[in-house]
Amino acid sequence: PKCDQSASSKLSKKYMCENCGKRFKDNTHLRNHKETLHKSPYTCVRCNVVFTDKCIGLNHQRGCHFTCPFPDCEAEFTHRARFEKHQRGHLAIIKRNKNRNNKL
């Protein structure tokens, strides 16, 4: 993951994490960051995969698990394309029902 920081902000933050590229003003903040994000194990709450790096585990959880937001649908997906196809199915049903209601 890359941080979105301005050039002046990068100059004032000269300590950079070699794992994720995030920058810090001093070495103490960098050390704390590494201890909490890069040295502690993390277990994905969705699939129970254990990551040795918490940052990678959180990125996995955000990017690999998709839950359908439609009411009364509890479908979950691990592939974005399947998730998007599922959502298109919901949207087609909504559109079809709307068209039927407009014809009445």
N, C-alpha and C. Protein backbone atom coordinates (compact mmCIF):
# COMPACT_ATOMS: atom_id res chain seq x y z
N PRO A 1 0.83 -1.20 0.00
CA PRO A 1 0.00 0.00 0.00
C PRO A 1 0.86 1.24 0.00
N LYS A 2 0.48 2.21 -0.80
CA LYS A 2 1.23 3.46 -0.86
C LYS A 2 0.45 4.54 -0.16
N CYS A 3 1.18 5.47 0.43
CA CYS A 3 0.55 6.58 1.14
C CYS A 3 0.44 7.76 0.19
N ASP A 4 -0.63 8.50 0.30
CA ASP A 4 -0.85 9.67 -0.53
C ASP A 4 -0.42 10.90 0.27
N GLN A 5 0.82 11.32 0.09
CA GLN A 5 1.35 12.44 0.86
C GLN A 5 1.92 13.49 -0.09
N SER A 6 1.83 14.76 0.31
CA SER A 6 2.38 15.84 -0.51
C SER A 6 3.90 15.82 -0.41
N ALA A 7 4.57 16.51 -1.34
CA ALA A 7 6.03 16.55 -1.36
C ALA A 7 6.59 17.18 -0.09
N SER A 8 5.98 18.26 0.40
CA SER A 8 6.48 18.92 1.61
C SER A 8 6.30 18.01 2.83
N SER A 9 5.23 17.26 2.85
CA SER A 9 4.99 16.33 3.95
C SER A 9 6.04 15.22 3.94
N LYS A 10 6.41 14.75 2.73
CA LYS A 10 7.41 13.70 2.62
C LYS A 10 8.77 14.18 3.12
N LEU A 11 9.10 15.46 2.87
CA LEU A 11 10.38 15.99 3.32
C LEU A 11 10.47 16.06 4.83
N SER A 12 9.36 16.39 5.50
CA SER A 12 9.37 16.48 6.95
C SER A 12 9.30 15.10 7.60
N LYS A 13 8.92 14.10 6.84
CA LYS A 13 8.83 12.74 7.36
C LYS A 13 9.91 11.90 6.70
N LYS A 14 11.11 11.93 7.29
CA LYS A 14 12.25 11.31 6.63
C LYS A 14 12.45 9.83 6.97
N TYR A 15 11.67 9.30 7.91
CA TYR A 15 11.80 7.89 8.26
C TYR A 15 10.71 7.09 7.54
N MET A 16 11.14 6.19 6.65
CA MET A 16 10.18 5.46 5.83
C MET A 16 10.18 3.97 6.18
N CYS A 17 8.99 3.40 6.25
CA CYS A 17 8.84 1.97 6.48
C CYS A 17 9.18 1.23 5.19
N GLU A 18 10.14 0.32 5.27
CA GLU A 18 10.54 -0.41 4.07
C GLU A 18 9.52 -1.47 3.66
N ASN A 19 8.57 -1.77 4.55
CA ASN A 19 7.54 -2.76 4.22
C ASN A 19 6.40 -2.17 3.40
N CYS A 20 5.96 -0.95 3.75
CA CYS A 20 4.78 -0.40 3.07
C CYS A 20 4.98 1.00 2.49
N GLY A 21 6.10 1.64 2.77
CA GLY A 21 6.39 2.95 2.21
C GLY A 21 5.85 4.12 3.01
N LYS A 22 5.13 3.87 4.09
CA LYS A 22 4.60 4.97 4.91
C LYS A 22 5.76 5.69 5.58
N ARG A 23 5.62 7.02 5.71
CA ARG A 23 6.70 7.85 6.28
C ARG A 23 6.33 8.41 7.64
N PHE A 24 7.37 8.66 8.45
CA PHE A 24 7.19 9.16 9.81
C PHE A 24 8.21 10.24 10.13
N LYS A 25 7.84 11.13 11.06
CA LYS A 25 8.72 12.23 11.46
C LYS A 25 9.93 11.74 12.22
N ASP A 26 9.73 10.71 13.04
CA ASP A 26 10.86 10.24 13.84
C ASP A 26 10.89 8.72 13.89
N ASN A 27 12.01 8.20 14.34
CA ASN A 27 12.24 6.77 14.37
C ASN A 27 11.32 6.06 15.36
N THR A 28 10.91 6.74 16.43
CA THR A 28 10.02 6.13 17.43
C THR A 28 8.68 5.78 16.81
N HIS A 29 8.11 6.71 16.04
CA HIS A 29 6.83 6.45 15.38
C HIS A 29 6.97 5.32 14.35
N LEU A 30 8.09 5.31 13.63
CA LEU A 30 8.34 4.25 12.66
C LEU A 30 8.42 2.90 13.38
N ARG A 31 9.14 2.84 14.47
CA ARG A 31 9.29 1.59 15.23
C ARG A 31 7.93 1.10 15.75
N ASN A 32 7.11 2.03 16.29
CA ASN A 32 5.77 1.66 16.76
C ASN A 32 4.91 1.12 15.62
N HIS A 33 4.99 1.78 14.48
CA HIS A 33 4.25 1.34 13.29
C HIS A 33 4.65 -0.08 12.92
N LYS A 34 5.95 -0.35 12.87
CA LYS A 34 6.43 -1.68 12.50
C LYS A 34 5.99 -2.74 13.51
N GLU A 35 6.05 -2.39 14.78
CA GLU A 35 5.66 -3.35 15.82
C GLU A 35 4.18 -3.71 15.74
N THR A 36 3.34 -2.71 15.49
CA THR A 36 1.90 -2.98 15.49
C THR A 36 1.39 -3.53 14.16
N LEU A 37 1.98 -3.13 13.05
CA LEU A 37 1.46 -3.57 11.75
C LEU A 37 2.26 -4.67 11.06
N HIS A 38 3.56 -4.70 11.30
CA HIS A 38 4.38 -5.62 10.52
C HIS A 38 4.99 -6.76 11.33
N LYS A 39 4.85 -6.74 12.63
CA LYS A 39 5.43 -7.82 13.42
C LYS A 39 4.40 -8.61 14.20
N SER A 40 3.16 -8.21 14.12
CA SER A 40 2.13 -8.94 14.85
C SER A 40 1.31 -9.77 13.87
N PRO A 41 1.01 -11.02 14.21
CA PRO A 41 0.21 -11.84 13.30
C PRO A 41 -1.22 -11.32 13.22
N TYR A 42 -1.86 -11.61 12.12
CA TYR A 42 -3.24 -11.18 11.92
C TYR A 42 -4.02 -12.33 11.29
N THR A 43 -5.18 -12.61 11.85
CA THR A 43 -6.05 -13.66 11.32
C THR A 43 -7.26 -13.01 10.65
N CYS A 44 -7.49 -13.35 9.40
CA CYS A 44 -8.63 -12.82 8.67
C CYS A 44 -9.92 -13.31 9.35
N VAL A 45 -10.80 -12.39 9.66
CA VAL A 45 -12.04 -12.75 10.36
C VAL A 45 -13.02 -13.47 9.43
N ARG A 46 -12.80 -13.43 8.13
CA ARG A 46 -13.72 -14.07 7.18
C ARG A 46 -13.31 -15.51 6.85
N CYS A 47 -12.00 -15.75 6.67
CA CYS A 47 -11.57 -17.08 6.21
C CYS A 47 -10.54 -17.74 7.12
N ASN A 48 -10.18 -17.07 8.21
CA ASN A 48 -9.25 -17.59 9.21
C ASN A 48 -7.83 -17.84 8.72
N VAL A 49 -7.46 -17.27 7.58
CA VAL A 49 -6.07 -17.36 7.13
C VAL A 49 -5.23 -16.47 8.04
N VAL A 50 -4.08 -16.97 8.46
CA VAL A 50 -3.21 -16.20 9.36
C VAL A 50 -2.08 -15.58 8.55
N PHE A 51 -1.87 -14.28 8.77
CA PHE A 51 -0.80 -13.54 8.11
C PHE A 51 0.22 -13.12 9.16
N THR A 52 1.49 -13.22 8.84
CA THR A 52 2.52 -12.80 9.80
C THR A 52 2.62 -11.28 9.86
N ASP A 53 2.13 -10.61 8.84
CA ASP A 53 2.17 -9.15 8.75
C ASP A 53 0.73 -8.63 8.81
N LYS A 54 0.39 -7.87 9.83
CA LYS A 54 -0.98 -7.38 10.01
C LYS A 54 -1.43 -6.52 8.84
N CYS A 55 -0.52 -5.71 8.31
CA CYS A 55 -0.85 -4.82 7.18
C CYS A 55 -1.29 -5.65 5.97
N ILE A 56 -0.58 -6.71 5.67
CA ILE A 56 -0.94 -7.58 4.54
C ILE A 56 -2.27 -8.28 4.82
N GLY A 57 -2.47 -8.70 6.07
CA GLY A 57 -3.72 -9.35 6.44
C GLY A 57 -4.92 -8.44 6.27
N LEU A 58 -4.78 -7.18 6.69
CA LEU A 58 -5.88 -6.22 6.53
C LEU A 58 -6.15 -5.93 5.06
N ASN A 59 -5.08 -5.80 4.26
CA ASN A 59 -5.26 -5.59 2.82
C ASN A 59 -5.97 -6.79 2.19
N HIS A 60 -5.60 -7.99 2.61
CA HIS A 60 -6.28 -9.20 2.12
C HIS A 60 -7.77 -9.13 2.44
N GLN A 61 -8.08 -8.81 3.67
CA GLN A 61 -9.49 -8.80 4.11
C GLN A 61 -10.30 -7.77 3.34
N ARG A 62 -9.72 -6.60 3.09
CA ARG A 62 -10.44 -5.55 2.36
C ARG A 62 -10.59 -5.88 0.88
N GLY A 63 -9.60 -6.57 0.32
CA GLY A 63 -9.60 -6.79 -1.13
C GLY A 63 -10.04 -8.16 -1.59
N CYS A 64 -10.26 -9.08 -0.67
CA CYS A 64 -10.57 -10.46 -1.07
C CYS A 64 -11.91 -10.97 -0.61
N HIS A 65 -12.64 -10.19 0.15
CA HIS A 65 -13.93 -10.64 0.64
C HIS A 65 -14.99 -9.60 0.32
N PHE A 66 -16.02 -10.03 -0.36
CA PHE A 66 -17.07 -9.13 -0.78
C PHE A 66 -18.41 -9.68 -0.31
N THR A 67 -19.19 -8.85 0.37
CA THR A 67 -20.50 -9.25 0.88
C THR A 67 -21.57 -8.45 0.15
N CYS A 68 -22.60 -9.13 -0.29
CA CYS A 68 -23.69 -8.48 -1.01
C CYS A 68 -24.40 -7.47 -0.10
N PRO A 69 -24.55 -6.22 -0.56
CA PRO A 69 -25.18 -5.20 0.27
C PRO A 69 -26.71 -5.17 0.18
N PHE A 70 -27.29 -6.00 -0.69
CA PHE A 70 -28.73 -5.97 -0.86
C PHE A 70 -29.43 -6.61 0.34
N PRO A 71 -30.56 -6.03 0.76
CA PRO A 71 -31.30 -6.56 1.92
C PRO A 71 -31.69 -8.03 1.72
N ASP A 72 -31.64 -8.77 2.78
CA ASP A 72 -32.02 -10.19 2.80
C ASP A 72 -31.14 -11.08 1.93
N CYS A 73 -30.00 -10.59 1.49
CA CYS A 73 -29.06 -11.40 0.73
C CYS A 73 -27.76 -11.47 1.52
N GLU A 74 -27.36 -12.64 1.87
CA GLU A 74 -26.15 -12.80 2.67
C GLU A 74 -25.02 -13.44 1.87
N ALA A 75 -25.08 -13.31 0.56
CA ALA A 75 -24.06 -13.92 -0.30
C ALA A 75 -22.70 -13.26 -0.07
N GLU A 76 -21.66 -14.09 -0.05
CA GLU A 76 -20.29 -13.62 0.11
C GLU A 76 -19.44 -14.19 -1.01
N PHE A 77 -18.46 -13.41 -1.44
CA PHE A 77 -17.61 -13.80 -2.56
C PHE A 77 -16.15 -13.51 -2.26
N THR A 78 -15.28 -14.31 -2.84
CA THR A 78 -13.84 -14.06 -2.72
C THR A 78 -13.25 -13.54 -4.03
N HIS A 79 -14.06 -13.48 -5.06
CA HIS A 79 -13.61 -12.95 -6.35
C HIS A 79 -14.49 -11.76 -6.73
N ARG A 80 -13.86 -10.64 -7.05
CA ARG A 80 -14.59 -9.42 -7.39
C ARG A 80 -15.52 -9.63 -8.58
N ALA A 81 -15.06 -10.34 -9.60
CA ALA A 81 -15.89 -10.53 -10.81
C ALA A 81 -17.19 -11.27 -10.48
N ARG A 82 -17.11 -12.29 -9.63
CA ARG A 82 -18.32 -13.04 -9.26
C ARG A 82 -19.26 -12.17 -8.44
N PHE A 83 -18.68 -11.36 -7.56
CA PHE A 83 -19.45 -10.43 -6.74
C PHE A 83 -20.19 -9.44 -7.64
N GLU A 84 -19.49 -8.87 -8.61
CA GLU A 84 -20.10 -7.89 -9.51
C GLU A 84 -21.19 -8.53 -10.38
N LYS A 85 -20.97 -9.77 -10.82
CA LYS A 85 -22.00 -10.47 -11.60
C LYS A 85 -23.24 -10.70 -10.75
N HIS A 86 -23.04 -11.06 -9.50
CA HIS A 86 -24.15 -11.27 -8.56
C HIS A 86 -24.93 -9.97 -8.38
N GLN A 87 -24.23 -8.87 -8.21
CA GLN A 87 -24.91 -7.57 -8.04
C GLN A 87 -25.69 -7.19 -9.29
N ARG A 88 -25.14 -7.46 -10.46
CA ARG A 88 -25.86 -7.16 -11.70
C ARG A 88 -27.17 -7.93 -11.76
N GLY A 89 -27.18 -9.15 -11.21
CA GLY A 89 -28.41 -9.94 -11.15
C GLY A 89 -29.47 -9.23 -10.31
N HIS A 90 -29.06 -8.70 -9.15
CA HIS A 90 -29.99 -7.95 -8.31
C HIS A 90 -30.52 -6.73 -9.06
N LEU A 91 -29.63 -6.01 -9.71
CA LEU A 91 -30.02 -4.78 -10.42
C LEU A 91 -30.97 -5.08 -11.57
N ALA A 92 -30.76 -6.22 -12.26
CA ALA A 92 -31.66 -6.61 -13.35
C ALA A 92 -33.06 -6.89 -12.81
N ILE A 93 -33.13 -7.55 -11.67
CA ILE A 93 -34.44 -7.84 -11.06
C ILE A 93 -35.14 -6.55 -10.67
N ILE A 94 -34.39 -5.63 -10.09
CA ILE A 94 -34.97 -4.33 -9.69
C ILE A 94 -35.50 -3.59 -10.92
N LYS A 95 -34.70 -3.59 -11.98
CA LYS A 95 -35.09 -2.90 -13.21
C LYS A 95 -36.34 -3.55 -13.82
N ARG A 96 -36.36 -4.88 -13.84
CA ARG A 96 -37.50 -5.60 -14.39
C ARG A 96 -38.77 -5.30 -13.59
N ASN A 97 -38.67 -5.29 -12.27
CA ASN A 97 -39.83 -4.97 -11.42
C ASN A 97 -40.30 -3.53 -11.62
N LYS A 98 -39.36 -2.63 -11.80
CA LYS A 98 -39.70 -1.23 -12.02
C LYS A 98 -40.44 -1.06 -13.35
N ASN A 99 -39.97 -1.75 -14.38
CA ASN A 99 -40.63 -1.69 -15.70
C ASN A 99 -42.05 -2.25 -15.64
N ARG A 100 -42.23 -3.34 -14.89
CA ARG A 100 -43.57 -3.93 -14.73
C ARG A 100 -44.51 -2.95 -14.03
N ASN A 101 -44.02 -2.29 -13.00
CA ASN A 101 -44.84 -1.34 -12.25
C ASN A 101 -45.21 -0.13 -13.10
N ASN A 102 -44.30 0.28 -13.99
CA ASN A 102 -44.59 1.44 -14.84
C ASN A 102 -45.65 1.13 -15.89
N LYS A 103 -45.77 -0.16 -16.26
CA LYS A 103 -46.74 -0.56 -17.28
C LYS A 103 -48.15 -0.68 -16.69
N LEU A 104 -48.25 -0.79 -15.38
CA LEU A 104 -49.57 -0.94 -14.75
C LEU A 104 -50.31 0.34 -14.64
